N, C-alpha and C. Protein backbone atom coordinates (compact mmCIF):
# COMPACT_ATOMS: atom_id res chain seq x y z
N UNK A 1 160.04 202.95 155.24
CA UNK A 1 159.08 202.00 155.59
C UNK A 1 158.04 202.78 154.94
N UNK A 2 157.02 202.29 154.07
CA UNK A 2 155.97 203.06 153.71
C UNK A 2 154.68 202.83 154.62
N UNK A 3 154.10 203.48 155.20
CA UNK A 3 153.01 203.22 156.23
C UNK A 3 151.46 203.23 155.11
N UNK A 4 150.46 202.38 155.56
CA UNK A 4 149.63 202.30 154.82
C UNK A 4 148.91 203.53 154.66
N UNK A 5 148.54 204.59 155.43
CA UNK A 5 148.20 205.71 155.14
C UNK A 5 149.08 206.52 153.94
N UNK A 6 150.25 206.54 154.21
CA UNK A 6 151.29 207.08 152.91
C UNK A 6 150.97 206.45 151.75
N UNK A 7 150.66 205.21 151.42
CA UNK A 7 150.39 204.53 150.38
C UNK A 7 149.12 204.94 149.75
N UNK A 8 148.23 205.01 150.45
CA UNK A 8 146.66 205.34 150.22
C UNK A 8 146.75 206.87 149.51
N UNK A 9 147.49 207.54 150.31
CA UNK A 9 147.95 209.28 149.66
C UNK A 9 148.47 209.16 148.31
N UNK A 10 149.67 208.49 148.32
CA UNK A 10 150.32 208.45 146.89
C UNK A 10 149.47 207.81 145.77
N UNK A 11 148.54 206.68 145.86
CA UNK A 11 147.42 205.99 145.07
C UNK A 11 146.48 207.21 144.85
N UNK A 12 145.93 207.86 145.78
CA UNK A 12 145.08 208.73 145.41
C UNK A 12 145.41 210.04 144.74
N UNK A 13 147.08 210.22 144.68
CA UNK A 13 147.41 211.55 143.57
C UNK A 13 147.59 210.80 142.52
N UNK A 14 148.11 209.42 142.53
CA UNK A 14 148.29 209.16 141.12
C UNK A 14 147.04 208.79 140.53
N UNK A 15 145.90 208.46 141.05
CA UNK A 15 144.32 208.62 140.45
C UNK A 15 144.00 209.77 139.75
N UNK A 16 144.16 210.78 140.79
CA UNK A 16 143.60 212.28 140.60
C UNK A 16 144.55 212.90 139.33
N UNK A 17 146.04 212.44 139.21
CA UNK A 17 146.87 212.91 137.86
C UNK A 17 146.25 212.05 136.63
N UNK A 18 146.01 210.98 137.15
CA UNK A 18 145.25 210.07 135.98
C UNK A 18 144.01 210.61 135.20
N UNK A 19 142.91 211.02 136.05
CA UNK A 19 141.64 211.63 135.95
C UNK A 19 141.94 213.04 134.93
N UNK A 20 142.72 213.81 135.74
CA UNK A 20 143.28 215.06 134.93
C UNK A 20 143.73 214.82 133.91
N UNK A 21 144.59 214.13 133.58
CA UNK A 21 145.10 213.81 132.32
C UNK A 21 144.04 213.36 131.23
N UNK A 22 143.19 212.52 131.54
CA UNK A 22 142.03 212.00 131.02
C UNK A 22 141.26 213.07 130.39
N UNK A 23 140.73 214.33 131.44
CA UNK A 23 139.74 214.95 131.22
C UNK A 23 140.52 215.94 130.42
N UNK A 24 141.75 216.33 130.39
CA UNK A 24 142.66 217.28 129.62
C UNK A 24 142.54 216.48 128.24
N UNK A 25 142.76 215.22 127.99
CA UNK A 25 142.60 214.75 126.72
C UNK A 25 141.29 214.79 126.16
N UNK A 26 140.20 214.62 126.59
CA UNK A 26 138.80 214.50 126.18
C UNK A 26 138.52 215.97 125.65
N UNK A 27 138.99 217.31 126.64
CA UNK A 27 138.71 218.57 126.24
C UNK A 27 139.44 218.78 124.63
N UNK A 28 140.69 218.50 124.66
CA UNK A 28 141.74 218.43 123.70
C UNK A 28 141.05 217.93 122.43
N UNK A 29 140.74 216.59 122.67
CA UNK A 29 139.86 215.80 121.47
C UNK A 29 138.51 216.78 120.94
N UNK A 30 137.80 217.13 121.79
CA UNK A 30 136.15 217.90 121.58
C UNK A 30 136.82 219.06 120.76
N UNK A 31 137.88 219.73 121.06
CA UNK A 31 138.29 220.95 120.36
C UNK A 31 138.93 220.69 118.92
N UNK A 32 139.60 219.56 118.89
CA UNK A 32 140.21 219.01 117.77
C UNK A 32 139.09 218.17 116.67
N UNK A 33 137.91 217.66 117.11
CA UNK A 33 137.12 216.98 116.35
C UNK A 33 136.59 217.66 115.37
N UNK A 34 136.39 218.98 115.12
CA UNK A 34 135.95 219.48 113.89
C UNK A 34 136.86 219.80 112.85
N UNK A 35 138.09 220.33 113.32
CA UNK A 35 139.15 220.31 112.05
C UNK A 35 139.72 219.07 111.82
N UNK A 36 139.98 218.09 112.45
CA UNK A 36 140.15 216.69 112.12
C UNK A 36 139.03 216.33 111.04
N UNK A 37 137.99 216.16 111.37
CA UNK A 37 136.70 216.05 110.36
C UNK A 37 136.83 216.56 109.01
N UNK A 38 137.07 217.94 109.23
CA UNK A 38 137.41 218.55 108.22
C UNK A 38 138.43 218.35 107.34
N UNK A 39 139.77 218.12 107.88
CA UNK A 39 140.89 217.70 107.35
C UNK A 39 140.41 216.33 106.58
N UNK A 40 139.75 215.18 107.35
CA UNK A 40 139.52 214.13 106.86
C UNK A 40 138.55 214.10 105.55
N UNK A 41 137.97 215.18 105.62
CA UNK A 41 136.89 215.31 104.40
C UNK A 41 137.68 215.86 103.34
N UNK A 42 138.37 216.96 103.44
CA UNK A 42 139.16 217.42 102.19
C UNK A 42 140.25 216.49 101.67
N UNK A 43 140.58 215.71 102.43
CA UNK A 43 141.65 214.78 101.96
C UNK A 43 141.12 213.39 101.27
N UNK A 44 139.90 213.10 101.92
CA UNK A 44 139.33 211.99 101.07
C UNK A 44 138.26 212.34 100.06
N UNK A 45 137.59 213.69 100.49
CA UNK A 45 136.15 213.60 99.62
C UNK A 45 135.09 213.21 100.21
N UNK A 46 134.96 212.71 101.26
CA UNK A 46 133.93 212.08 102.46
C UNK A 46 132.99 213.02 102.15
N UNK A 47 131.60 212.28 102.20
CA UNK A 47 130.32 213.36 102.45
C UNK A 47 130.40 214.09 101.47
N UNK A 48 130.69 214.19 100.22
CA UNK A 48 130.34 215.18 99.37
C UNK A 48 131.23 216.68 99.25
N UNK A 49 132.14 216.33 100.19
CA UNK A 49 133.06 217.49 100.24
C UNK A 49 134.19 217.57 99.25
N UNK A 50 134.05 218.55 98.38
CA UNK A 50 135.40 218.92 97.17
C UNK A 50 136.66 218.86 97.80
N UNK A 51 137.62 218.11 97.51
CA UNK A 51 139.15 218.37 97.98
C UNK A 51 139.29 219.80 97.43
N UNK A 52 140.63 220.35 98.18
CA UNK A 52 141.17 221.53 97.72
C UNK A 52 142.73 221.08 97.16
N UNK A 53 142.79 221.18 95.86
CA UNK A 53 144.02 220.90 95.38
C UNK A 53 144.14 221.50 94.21
N UNK A 54 145.15 222.72 93.93
CA UNK A 54 145.39 223.46 92.72
C UNK A 54 146.70 222.76 91.83
N UNK A 55 147.19 221.50 92.08
CA UNK A 55 148.13 220.86 91.41
C UNK A 55 147.57 220.17 90.36
N UNK A 56 147.36 220.60 89.10
CA UNK A 56 146.72 219.96 88.25
C UNK A 56 147.80 218.84 87.25
N UNK A 57 147.10 217.82 86.58
CA UNK A 57 148.15 217.17 86.02
C UNK A 57 148.42 217.92 84.87
N UNK A 58 149.72 217.66 84.52
CA UNK A 58 150.53 218.45 83.06
C UNK A 58 149.62 217.93 81.93
N UNK A 59 149.01 216.92 82.11
CA UNK A 59 148.53 216.37 80.70
C UNK A 59 147.13 216.15 80.71
N UNK A 60 146.21 216.77 79.88
CA UNK A 60 145.00 216.61 80.16
C UNK A 60 144.35 215.31 79.44
N UNK A 61 143.29 215.24 79.93
CA UNK A 61 142.83 213.67 79.33
C UNK A 61 141.79 214.11 78.35
N UNK A 62 141.58 213.37 77.16
CA UNK A 62 140.48 213.72 76.28
C UNK A 62 139.23 213.44 76.78
N UNK A 63 139.21 212.56 77.60
CA UNK A 63 137.38 212.18 78.18
C UNK A 63 136.92 213.57 78.89
N UNK A 64 135.57 213.49 78.56
CA UNK A 64 134.65 214.91 79.02
C UNK A 64 133.83 214.80 80.29
N UNK A 65 133.58 215.72 80.82
CA UNK A 65 132.82 215.91 81.84
C UNK A 65 132.09 217.00 81.99
N UNK A 66 130.77 217.12 82.20
CA UNK A 66 130.21 218.32 82.27
C UNK A 66 129.62 218.81 83.73
N UNK A 67 129.95 219.73 83.76
CA UNK A 67 129.67 220.29 85.29
C UNK A 67 128.39 221.20 85.46
N UNK A 68 127.57 220.72 85.94
CA UNK A 68 126.27 221.95 86.17
C UNK A 68 126.25 222.81 87.42
N UNK A 69 125.89 224.00 87.23
CA UNK A 69 125.57 224.78 88.71
C UNK A 69 124.27 225.38 89.05
N UNK A 70 124.07 225.35 90.38
CA UNK A 70 122.95 225.46 91.03
C UNK A 70 123.37 226.43 92.06
N UNK A 71 121.98 227.17 92.29
CA UNK A 71 122.32 228.40 93.17
C UNK A 71 121.12 228.37 94.23
N UNK A 72 121.15 228.53 95.36
CA UNK A 72 120.21 228.80 96.60
C UNK A 72 120.33 229.69 97.45
N UNK A 73 119.49 230.73 97.69
CA UNK A 73 119.80 230.98 98.95
C UNK A 73 118.71 230.93 100.01
N UNK A 74 118.85 231.43 101.66
CA UNK A 74 118.16 230.95 102.49
C UNK A 74 116.66 231.64 102.59
N UNK A 75 115.91 231.19 102.88
CA UNK A 75 114.30 231.29 102.94
C UNK A 75 114.50 232.99 103.81
N UNK A 76 114.09 233.96 103.28
CA UNK A 76 113.81 235.42 103.63
C UNK A 76 114.94 236.36 103.40
N UNK A 77 116.03 235.71 102.77
CA UNK A 77 117.22 236.61 102.63
C UNK A 77 116.90 237.26 100.84
N UNK A 78 117.01 238.65 101.16
CA UNK A 78 116.30 239.55 99.64
C UNK A 78 117.43 239.58 98.57
N UNK A 79 118.03 238.31 98.63
CA UNK A 79 119.14 238.19 97.37
C UNK A 79 118.51 237.51 96.11
N UNK A 80 119.04 238.16 95.39
CA UNK A 80 118.75 237.15 93.78
C UNK A 80 119.92 236.53 93.52
N UNK A 81 120.39 235.20 93.31
CA UNK A 81 121.48 234.58 93.23
C UNK A 81 121.37 233.61 92.42
N UNK A 82 122.37 233.47 91.24
CA UNK A 82 121.93 232.60 89.81
C UNK A 82 123.42 232.32 89.41
N UNK A 83 123.39 231.10 89.01
CA UNK A 83 124.72 231.02 88.05
C UNK A 83 124.70 231.75 86.72
N UNK A 84 126.17 232.17 86.37
CA UNK A 84 125.89 233.09 84.88
C UNK A 84 125.76 232.18 83.73
N UNK A 85 125.93 230.68 83.89
CA UNK A 85 126.08 229.35 83.23
C UNK A 85 125.47 228.43 83.63
N UNK A 86 124.57 227.77 82.72
CA UNK A 86 124.07 226.42 83.24
C UNK A 86 124.86 225.49 83.39
N UNK A 87 125.88 225.16 82.87
CA UNK A 87 127.10 223.86 82.98
C UNK A 87 128.18 224.52 81.96
N UNK A 88 129.15 223.77 82.10
CA UNK A 88 130.30 223.84 80.97
C UNK A 88 130.95 222.21 80.86
N UNK A 89 131.45 222.03 79.81
CA UNK A 89 132.02 220.43 79.49
C UNK A 89 133.53 220.99 79.36
N UNK A 90 134.41 219.94 80.18
CA UNK A 90 135.57 219.96 80.12
C UNK A 90 136.16 218.81 80.05
N UNK A 91 137.47 218.92 79.17
CA UNK A 91 138.00 217.52 79.25
C UNK A 91 138.98 217.34 80.96
N UNK A 92 139.12 216.11 81.11
CA UNK A 92 139.63 215.75 82.18
C UNK A 92 141.08 216.64 82.58
N UNK A 93 141.14 217.22 83.61
CA UNK A 93 142.04 218.04 84.26
C UNK A 93 142.56 219.35 83.55
N UNK A 94 141.22 219.55 82.89
CA UNK A 94 141.23 221.14 82.08
C UNK A 94 140.72 221.72 82.92
N UNK A 95 141.34 223.22 83.32
CA UNK A 95 140.83 224.07 84.45
C UNK A 95 139.59 224.87 83.48
N UNK A 96 138.67 224.88 84.75
CA UNK A 96 137.41 225.42 84.29
C UNK A 96 137.23 226.51 84.94
N UNK A 97 136.46 227.71 84.32
CA UNK A 97 136.10 229.04 84.92
C UNK A 97 134.58 229.66 84.87
N UNK A 98 133.97 229.41 86.14
CA UNK A 98 132.48 229.93 85.92
C UNK A 98 132.32 230.97 87.05
N UNK A 99 131.03 231.73 86.59
CA UNK A 99 130.63 232.77 87.58
C UNK A 99 129.54 232.81 88.11
N UNK A 100 128.88 233.23 89.25
CA UNK A 100 127.70 233.35 89.92
C UNK A 100 127.25 234.77 89.89
N UNK A 101 126.08 235.13 89.91
CA UNK A 101 125.71 236.45 89.96
C UNK A 101 124.81 236.73 91.18
N UNK A 102 125.03 237.69 91.61
CA UNK A 102 124.14 238.19 93.00
C UNK A 102 124.01 239.42 93.20
N UNK A 103 122.48 239.38 93.64
CA UNK A 103 121.92 240.99 93.53
C UNK A 103 121.34 241.13 94.91
N UNK A 104 121.43 242.13 95.47
CA UNK A 104 120.98 242.57 96.70
C UNK A 104 119.40 243.27 96.26
N UNK A 105 118.48 242.89 96.70
CA UNK A 105 117.03 243.37 96.67
C UNK A 105 116.43 244.13 97.81
N UNK A 106 117.19 244.13 98.45
CA UNK A 106 116.64 245.21 99.51
C UNK A 106 116.84 246.58 99.42
N UNK A 107 116.61 247.49 100.20
CA UNK A 107 116.48 248.96 100.37
C UNK A 107 117.57 248.97 101.44
N UNK A 108 118.62 247.90 102.06
CA UNK A 108 119.39 248.29 102.78
C UNK A 108 120.56 247.50 102.63
N UNK A 109 121.75 247.54 103.23
CA UNK A 109 122.78 246.53 103.02
C UNK A 109 122.59 245.15 103.53
N UNK A 110 122.84 244.09 102.99
CA UNK A 110 122.76 242.97 103.30
C UNK A 110 123.89 241.96 103.10
N UNK A 111 124.33 241.60 104.25
CA UNK A 111 125.51 240.21 104.38
C UNK A 111 125.11 239.21 103.94
N UNK A 112 125.84 238.18 103.37
CA UNK A 112 125.81 236.91 103.07
C UNK A 112 126.89 236.00 103.34
N UNK A 113 126.84 234.93 103.50
CA UNK A 113 128.09 233.81 103.18
C UNK A 113 127.51 232.58 102.62
N UNK A 114 128.24 232.05 101.83
CA UNK A 114 127.77 230.87 101.01
C UNK A 114 128.59 229.32 101.49
N UNK A 115 127.93 228.55 101.25
CA UNK A 115 128.85 227.31 101.24
C UNK A 115 128.57 226.54 99.91
N UNK A 116 129.12 225.61 99.90
CA UNK A 116 128.93 224.82 98.54
C UNK A 116 128.75 223.35 98.58
N UNK A 117 128.62 222.35 97.79
CA UNK A 117 128.79 221.07 97.70
C UNK A 117 128.65 220.57 96.33
N UNK A 118 129.11 218.83 96.25
CA UNK A 118 129.14 218.58 94.65
C UNK A 118 128.54 217.21 95.11
N UNK A 119 127.72 217.05 93.84
CA UNK A 119 126.68 215.94 93.62
C UNK A 119 127.35 215.18 92.61
N UNK A 120 126.74 213.84 92.42
CA UNK A 120 126.72 213.11 93.32
C UNK A 120 128.04 212.73 94.29
N UNK A 121 128.12 212.50 95.49
CA UNK A 121 128.87 212.54 96.40
C UNK A 121 130.20 211.76 96.39
N UNK A 122 130.03 210.67 95.37
CA UNK A 122 131.45 209.86 95.12
C UNK A 122 132.23 210.51 94.21
N UNK A 123 131.36 211.93 93.42
CA UNK A 123 132.22 212.64 92.82
C UNK A 123 133.45 213.73 93.39
N UNK A 124 132.72 214.04 94.86
CA UNK A 124 133.60 215.08 95.13
C UNK A 124 135.12 214.90 95.41
N UNK A 125 135.66 213.44 95.51
CA UNK A 125 136.86 213.61 95.60
C UNK A 125 137.79 213.92 94.50
N UNK A 126 137.16 213.79 93.73
CA UNK A 126 137.97 214.20 92.22
C UNK A 126 137.53 215.68 91.79
N UNK A 127 136.89 216.35 92.20
CA UNK A 127 136.60 218.07 92.21
C UNK A 127 137.31 218.63 92.95
N UNK A 128 138.13 219.39 92.30
CA UNK A 128 139.42 220.28 92.88
C UNK A 128 139.13 221.53 92.72
N UNK A 129 138.70 222.38 93.78
CA UNK A 129 138.62 223.91 93.59
C UNK A 129 139.91 224.59 93.58
N UNK A 130 140.20 225.51 92.80
CA UNK A 130 141.13 226.44 92.87
C UNK A 130 141.08 227.78 93.69
N UNK A 131 139.99 228.29 93.27
CA UNK A 131 139.34 229.67 93.87
C UNK A 131 138.35 229.72 93.58
N UNK A 132 137.44 230.23 94.66
CA UNK A 132 136.16 230.22 95.03
C UNK A 132 135.77 231.49 95.95
N UNK A 133 134.44 232.00 96.28
CA UNK A 133 133.97 232.87 97.11
C UNK A 133 133.36 232.39 98.32
N UNK A 134 133.43 231.28 98.58
CA UNK A 134 132.92 230.33 99.60
C UNK A 134 133.40 230.84 101.00
N UNK A 135 132.75 230.64 102.01
CA UNK A 135 132.89 231.10 103.25
C UNK A 135 133.60 232.33 103.67
N UNK A 136 133.32 232.99 102.72
CA UNK A 136 133.78 234.69 103.11
C UNK A 136 132.52 235.84 103.00
N UNK A 137 132.15 236.47 104.03
CA UNK A 137 131.06 237.54 103.86
C UNK A 137 131.14 238.14 102.60
N UNK A 138 130.15 238.54 101.95
CA UNK A 138 129.90 239.47 101.15
C UNK A 138 128.78 240.57 101.35
N UNK A 139 129.01 241.61 101.35
CA UNK A 139 128.01 242.67 101.96
C UNK A 139 127.82 243.25 100.59
N UNK A 140 126.53 243.32 100.54
CA UNK A 140 125.94 243.98 99.00
C UNK A 140 125.03 245.10 99.39
N UNK A 141 125.50 246.30 98.58
CA UNK A 141 124.40 247.69 98.84
C UNK A 141 123.26 247.43 98.52
N UNK A 142 122.34 248.34 98.64
CA UNK A 142 120.97 248.22 98.07
C UNK A 142 120.80 248.31 96.60
N UNK A 143 120.42 247.07 95.84
CA UNK A 143 120.28 247.13 94.34
C UNK A 143 121.78 246.78 93.90
N UNK A 144 122.86 246.44 94.60
CA UNK A 144 124.28 246.01 93.82
C UNK A 144 123.88 244.73 93.53
N UNK A 145 124.64 244.42 92.12
CA UNK A 145 124.94 243.33 91.65
C UNK A 145 126.15 243.03 91.30
N UNK A 146 126.79 241.53 91.66
CA UNK A 146 128.13 241.13 91.44
C UNK A 146 128.22 239.74 90.62
N UNK A 147 129.23 239.64 90.12
CA UNK A 147 129.97 238.43 89.76
C UNK A 147 130.85 238.01 90.33
N UNK A 148 130.68 236.44 90.76
CA UNK A 148 131.80 236.06 91.93
C UNK A 148 132.25 234.60 90.98
N UNK A 149 133.53 234.76 91.29
CA UNK A 149 134.18 233.57 90.20
C UNK A 149 134.25 232.33 91.01
N UNK A 150 134.67 230.99 90.16
CA UNK A 150 134.97 229.92 90.82
C UNK A 150 136.00 229.14 89.75
N UNK A 151 137.06 229.00 90.25
CA UNK A 151 137.89 228.26 89.34
C UNK A 151 137.97 226.69 89.76
N UNK A 152 138.10 225.61 88.92
CA UNK A 152 138.20 224.28 89.34
C UNK A 152 138.60 223.49 88.15
N UNK A 153 138.97 222.29 88.73
CA UNK A 153 139.36 221.13 87.65
C UNK A 153 138.77 220.02 87.86
N UNK A 154 138.69 218.90 87.44
CA UNK A 154 138.27 217.94 87.94
C UNK A 154 139.16 216.58 87.27
N UNK A 155 139.52 215.78 88.18
CA UNK A 155 140.74 214.68 88.27
C UNK A 155 140.34 213.91 87.26
N UNK A 156 141.36 213.63 86.25
CA UNK A 156 140.92 212.35 85.36
C UNK A 156 140.86 211.12 85.97
N UNK A 157 141.21 210.68 87.31
CA UNK A 157 141.05 209.65 87.87
C UNK A 157 139.54 209.12 87.78
N UNK A 158 138.86 210.06 87.80
CA UNK A 158 137.20 210.03 87.99
C UNK A 158 136.88 208.87 86.99
N UNK A 159 137.66 208.89 85.60
CA UNK A 159 137.10 207.82 84.57
C UNK A 159 137.45 206.76 84.73
N UNK A 160 138.42 206.70 85.54
CA UNK A 160 139.20 204.87 85.69
C UNK A 160 138.52 204.47 87.08
N UNK A 161 138.06 205.08 87.99
CA UNK A 161 137.30 204.60 89.09
C UNK A 161 136.06 203.67 88.66
N UNK A 162 135.92 202.46 89.28
CA UNK A 162 134.73 201.63 88.78
C UNK A 162 133.60 202.51 89.48
N UNK A 163 133.59 203.15 90.42
CA UNK A 163 132.28 203.98 91.04
C UNK A 163 131.83 205.09 90.13
N UNK A 164 132.80 205.59 89.76
CA UNK A 164 132.61 206.87 88.87
C UNK A 164 132.84 206.97 87.29
N UNK A 165 133.43 205.85 86.86
CA UNK A 165 133.96 205.79 85.39
C UNK A 165 132.73 206.03 84.49
N UNK A 166 131.61 205.66 84.91
CA UNK A 166 130.40 205.88 83.62
C UNK A 166 129.68 207.05 84.20
N UNK A 167 130.21 208.47 84.77
CA UNK A 167 129.74 209.37 85.33
C UNK A 167 130.39 210.47 84.61
N UNK A 168 129.20 211.19 83.88
CA UNK A 168 129.41 212.33 82.80
C UNK A 168 128.78 213.62 83.28
N UNK A 169 128.33 213.44 84.40
CA UNK A 169 127.58 214.89 84.80
C UNK A 169 128.00 215.27 86.50
N UNK A 170 128.63 216.26 86.57
CA UNK A 170 128.86 216.63 88.19
C UNK A 170 128.11 217.81 88.44
N UNK A 171 127.31 218.02 89.61
CA UNK A 171 126.81 219.18 89.73
C UNK A 171 127.47 219.93 91.09
N UNK A 172 127.59 221.29 91.06
CA UNK A 172 128.11 221.79 92.10
C UNK A 172 127.05 223.22 92.65
N UNK A 173 126.71 222.94 94.16
CA UNK A 173 125.54 223.75 94.11
C UNK A 173 125.88 224.96 95.25
N UNK A 174 125.80 225.96 95.03
CA UNK A 174 126.41 227.10 96.34
C UNK A 174 124.70 227.87 97.01
N UNK A 175 125.16 227.52 98.11
CA UNK A 175 123.63 228.21 98.67
C UNK A 175 124.36 229.39 99.97
N UNK A 176 123.80 230.83 99.58
CA UNK A 176 123.95 231.86 100.41
C UNK A 176 122.99 232.19 101.52
N UNK A 177 123.36 231.91 103.00
CA UNK A 177 123.02 232.09 103.87
C UNK A 177 123.24 233.47 104.84
N UNK A 178 122.53 233.83 105.78
CA UNK A 178 122.76 235.18 106.42
C UNK A 178 124.03 235.07 107.22
N UNK A 179 124.61 233.83 107.85
CA UNK A 179 125.51 233.55 108.53
C UNK A 179 125.70 232.04 108.49
N UNK A 180 127.24 231.87 109.10
CA UNK A 180 127.50 230.51 109.32
C UNK A 180 126.62 229.88 110.17
N UNK A 181 125.97 230.51 110.98
CA UNK A 181 125.26 229.93 112.06
C UNK A 181 124.17 229.52 111.55
N UNK A 182 123.57 230.22 110.56
CA UNK A 182 122.27 230.00 109.84
C UNK A 182 122.58 228.67 108.89
N UNK A 183 123.87 228.54 108.24
CA UNK A 183 124.06 227.55 107.69
C UNK A 183 124.12 226.16 108.42
N UNK A 184 124.66 226.65 109.39
CA UNK A 184 124.89 225.00 110.33
C UNK A 184 123.49 224.58 110.87
N UNK A 185 122.72 225.56 111.26
CA UNK A 185 121.28 225.27 111.46
C UNK A 185 120.60 224.51 110.51
N UNK A 186 121.09 224.92 109.35
CA UNK A 186 120.21 224.48 107.93
C UNK A 186 120.75 223.13 107.76
N UNK A 187 122.17 222.57 108.50
CA UNK A 187 122.60 221.18 108.14
C UNK A 187 123.68 221.59 106.77
N UNK A 188 123.86 222.78 106.27
CA UNK A 188 124.43 222.75 105.23
C UNK A 188 125.97 222.76 105.41
N UNK A 189 126.60 222.78 106.51
CA UNK A 189 127.91 222.83 106.89
C UNK A 189 128.38 221.18 106.95
N UNK A 190 127.26 220.39 106.91
CA UNK A 190 127.81 219.00 107.06
C UNK A 190 128.79 218.37 105.84
N UNK A 191 128.38 218.90 104.83
CA UNK A 191 128.97 218.49 103.46
C UNK A 191 129.73 219.57 102.54
N UNK A 192 129.97 220.71 103.21
CA UNK A 192 130.40 221.86 102.68
C UNK A 192 131.65 221.55 102.58
N UNK A 193 132.42 222.20 101.62
CA UNK A 193 133.87 222.41 101.15
C UNK A 193 134.39 223.37 101.88
N UNK A 194 135.73 223.20 102.23
CA UNK A 194 136.73 224.38 102.90
C UNK A 194 136.84 225.72 101.85
N UNK A 195 137.10 226.85 102.39
CA UNK A 195 136.88 227.86 102.03
C UNK A 195 138.88 227.94 101.26
N UNK A 196 138.68 228.59 99.81
CA UNK A 196 140.15 228.15 99.04
C UNK A 196 140.49 229.65 98.22
N UNK A 197 139.62 230.76 98.54
CA UNK A 197 140.15 231.73 97.71
C UNK A 197 138.93 232.85 98.07
N UNK A 198 139.41 234.25 98.19
CA UNK A 198 138.05 235.09 98.91
C UNK A 198 137.95 236.19 97.67
N UNK A 199 136.94 236.88 97.75
CA UNK A 199 136.37 237.88 96.79
C UNK A 199 135.69 238.93 97.53
N UNK A 200 135.83 240.18 97.41
CA UNK A 200 135.38 241.05 98.12
C UNK A 200 134.57 242.23 96.85
N UNK A 201 133.23 242.16 96.83
CA UNK A 201 132.73 242.86 95.70
C UNK A 201 132.95 244.12 95.50
N UNK A 202 133.30 244.97 96.28
CA UNK A 202 133.45 246.57 96.27
C UNK A 202 134.92 246.65 96.06
N UNK A 203 135.94 245.97 96.02
CA UNK A 203 137.30 246.03 95.68
C UNK A 203 138.02 244.82 94.92
N UNK A 204 136.69 244.49 93.98
CA UNK A 204 137.16 243.16 93.44
C UNK A 204 138.23 243.32 92.56
N UNK A 205 139.45 242.54 92.48
CA UNK A 205 140.70 242.65 91.44
C UNK A 205 140.05 242.23 90.00
N UNK A 206 140.91 242.84 88.87
CA UNK A 206 140.68 242.53 87.57
C UNK A 206 140.43 241.19 87.14
N UNK A 207 140.17 241.10 86.24
CA UNK A 207 139.99 239.58 85.48
C UNK A 207 138.95 238.68 86.03
N UNK A 208 139.64 237.58 86.64
CA UNK A 208 138.82 236.20 87.14
C UNK A 208 138.70 236.22 88.45
N UNK A 209 139.24 237.71 89.09
CA UNK A 209 139.15 237.70 90.67
C UNK A 209 137.70 238.09 90.67
N UNK A 210 136.91 238.47 90.20
CA UNK A 210 135.70 239.12 90.07
C UNK A 210 135.36 240.86 89.74
N UNK A 211 134.29 240.97 89.45
CA UNK A 211 133.85 242.23 89.12
C UNK A 211 132.59 242.67 89.70
N UNK A 212 131.81 243.95 89.79
CA UNK A 212 130.92 244.29 89.99
C UNK A 212 130.11 244.74 89.04
N UNK A 213 128.93 244.75 88.75
CA UNK A 213 128.17 244.73 87.50
C UNK A 213 127.14 246.34 87.55
N UNK A 214 127.37 246.74 86.63
CA UNK A 214 126.75 247.81 86.56
C UNK A 214 125.09 248.07 86.25
């Protein structure tokens, strides 16, 4: 026979275990929220986040899209940062290669890290990066100037989507900050895409991997 006191004790233990499970679940969700949101953005292109996808269609589309390049640096960061070309025009699914140039104008080494986003936001789901220099710390010596590569392609489905079929210009904007913390405080991480390829100025591989300028 179960006494009232024993029943209350069992009920209290059940309640305590339930509350503990709820707390553990909430903690787990808080840790998972950021990667889950990032995964959602990467899969859907939500919020102007370009998707990561190197699986280009085998057949290129004859319709063309112009991709324009923009560069920014955090206020007070002693770098000159600019695109090596203002724009490129590609056929749908054609692979594009572009470069950005960065120079440290300070008398001491300076480290920066870049984020990027695509505008208009509705085009982000069709903009696919193959390799870039984003989300990787770049340390430049005093006066050092480097070229940093960006490889990408635009999904021709953009031309068939009612929301984007009249779109003929996409802008990709890179911004360099002192740290990811500085980028987060500036709100730059909200629409930034994921890191998809590294580049180290002082040990840059040959060809499209990047090169230091003399």
